[in-house]
Amino acid sequence: MILSDFLTLDTYFDNQASAQFFEECSHKYGVEPIRKCLRAGDLACRKILMGPDVGKTLLWITEKGRQKARESAMTNAV
């Protein structure tokens, strides 16, 4: 679910526009599922160091995560 949502955003927007705040995603998906995706290398993260959102963490899908999401979509479509 997490990866497919990120892939959908990534498909319709460019990679930078598809990044989501960890804080918002953790409310939607829970902290542990996000951490699992980070440990697996399916999502990447980085803290914002300046500007109005300083201190927040951005998440985005990696190439590995895109591939997993596509494979999962193909499997579910069959």
Protein backbone atom coordinates (compact mmCIF):
# COMPACT_ATOMS: atom_id res chain seq x y z
CA MET A 1 0.00 0.00 0.00
CA ILE A 2 2.73 2.47 0.94
CA LEU A 3 4.83 1.75 -2.12
CA SER A 4 1.88 1.78 -4.50
CA ASP A 5 0.79 5.17 -3.15
CA PHE A 6 4.29 6.58 -3.58
CA LEU A 7 4.51 5.07 -7.08
CA THR A 8 1.21 6.70 -8.05
CA LEU A 9 2.49 10.09 -6.93
CA ASP A 10 5.81 9.47 -8.67
CA THR A 11 4.01 8.55 -11.90
CA TYR A 12 1.86 11.69 -12.00
CA PHE A 13 4.45 14.11 -10.64
CA ASP A 14 8.22 14.19 -10.82
CA ASN A 15 10.33 12.56 -8.12
CA GLN A 16 10.75 15.74 -6.05
CA ALA A 17 7.03 16.56 -6.10
CA SER A 18 6.16 13.04 -4.95
CA ALA A 19 8.10 13.31 -1.67
CA GLN A 20 5.97 13.15 1.46
CA PHE A 21 6.59 14.19 5.05
CA PHE A 22 7.33 11.32 7.43
CA GLU A 23 5.09 12.90 10.02
CA GLU A 24 2.07 12.82 7.70
CA CYS A 25 2.81 9.33 6.37
CA SER A 26 3.23 7.93 9.87
CA HIS A 27 -0.34 8.99 10.67
CA LYS A 28 -1.64 7.29 7.53
CA TYR A 29 0.44 4.08 7.49
CA GLY A 30 1.99 3.83 10.95
CA VAL A 31 5.64 4.28 11.94
CA GLU A 32 6.75 0.64 11.77
CA PRO A 33 5.63 -0.04 8.16
CA ILE A 34 7.52 3.08 7.05
CA ARG A 35 10.63 2.02 8.96
CA LYS A 36 10.38 -1.42 7.34
CA CYS A 37 10.35 0.20 3.87
CA LEU A 38 13.32 2.37 4.83
CA ARG A 39 15.32 -0.64 6.10
CA ALA A 40 14.50 -2.57 2.92
CA GLY A 41 15.69 0.33 0.77
CA ASP A 42 12.26 0.86 -0.81
CA LEU A 43 11.97 4.39 0.57
CA ALA A 44 14.67 6.98 1.23
CA CYS A 45 14.55 9.88 3.66
CA ARG A 46 16.29 13.13 4.46
CA LYS A 47 15.82 15.81 7.11
CA ILE A 48 15.02 19.31 5.92
CA LEU A 49 17.80 21.61 7.07
CA MET A 50 16.37 25.05 6.28
CA GLY A 51 13.20 26.92 5.49
CA PRO A 52 9.74 26.74 7.02
CA ASP A 53 9.77 22.93 7.28
CA VAL A 54 13.19 22.68 8.98
CA GLY A 55 13.50 19.53 11.09
CA LYS A 56 10.83 17.58 9.23
CA THR A 57 11.76 14.40 7.38
CA LEU A 58 10.95 13.86 3.72
CA LEU A 59 10.32 10.39 2.29
CA TRP A 60 10.46 9.34 -1.35
CA ILE A 61 10.36 6.09 -3.27
CA THR A 62 13.63 4.60 -4.52
CA GLU A 63 14.17 2.75 -7.77
CA LYS A 64 14.05 -0.51 -5.80
CA GLY A 65 10.71 0.55 -4.29
CA ARG A 66 9.34 1.46 -7.73
CA GLN A 67 10.28 -1.96 -9.04
CA LYS A 68 8.64 -3.72 -6.07
CA ALA A 69 5.47 -1.64 -6.44
CA ARG A 70 5.26 -2.40 -10.18
CA GLU A 71 5.82 -6.11 -9.61
CA SER A 72 3.17 -6.14 -6.90
CA ALA A 73 0.70 -4.36 -9.18
CA MET A 74 1.35 -6.90 -11.95
CA THR A 75 0.89 -9.81 -9.53
CA ASN A 76 -2.37 -8.36 -8.17
CA ALA A 77 -3.69 -7.72 -11.68
CA VAL A 78 -3.40 -11.37 -12.68
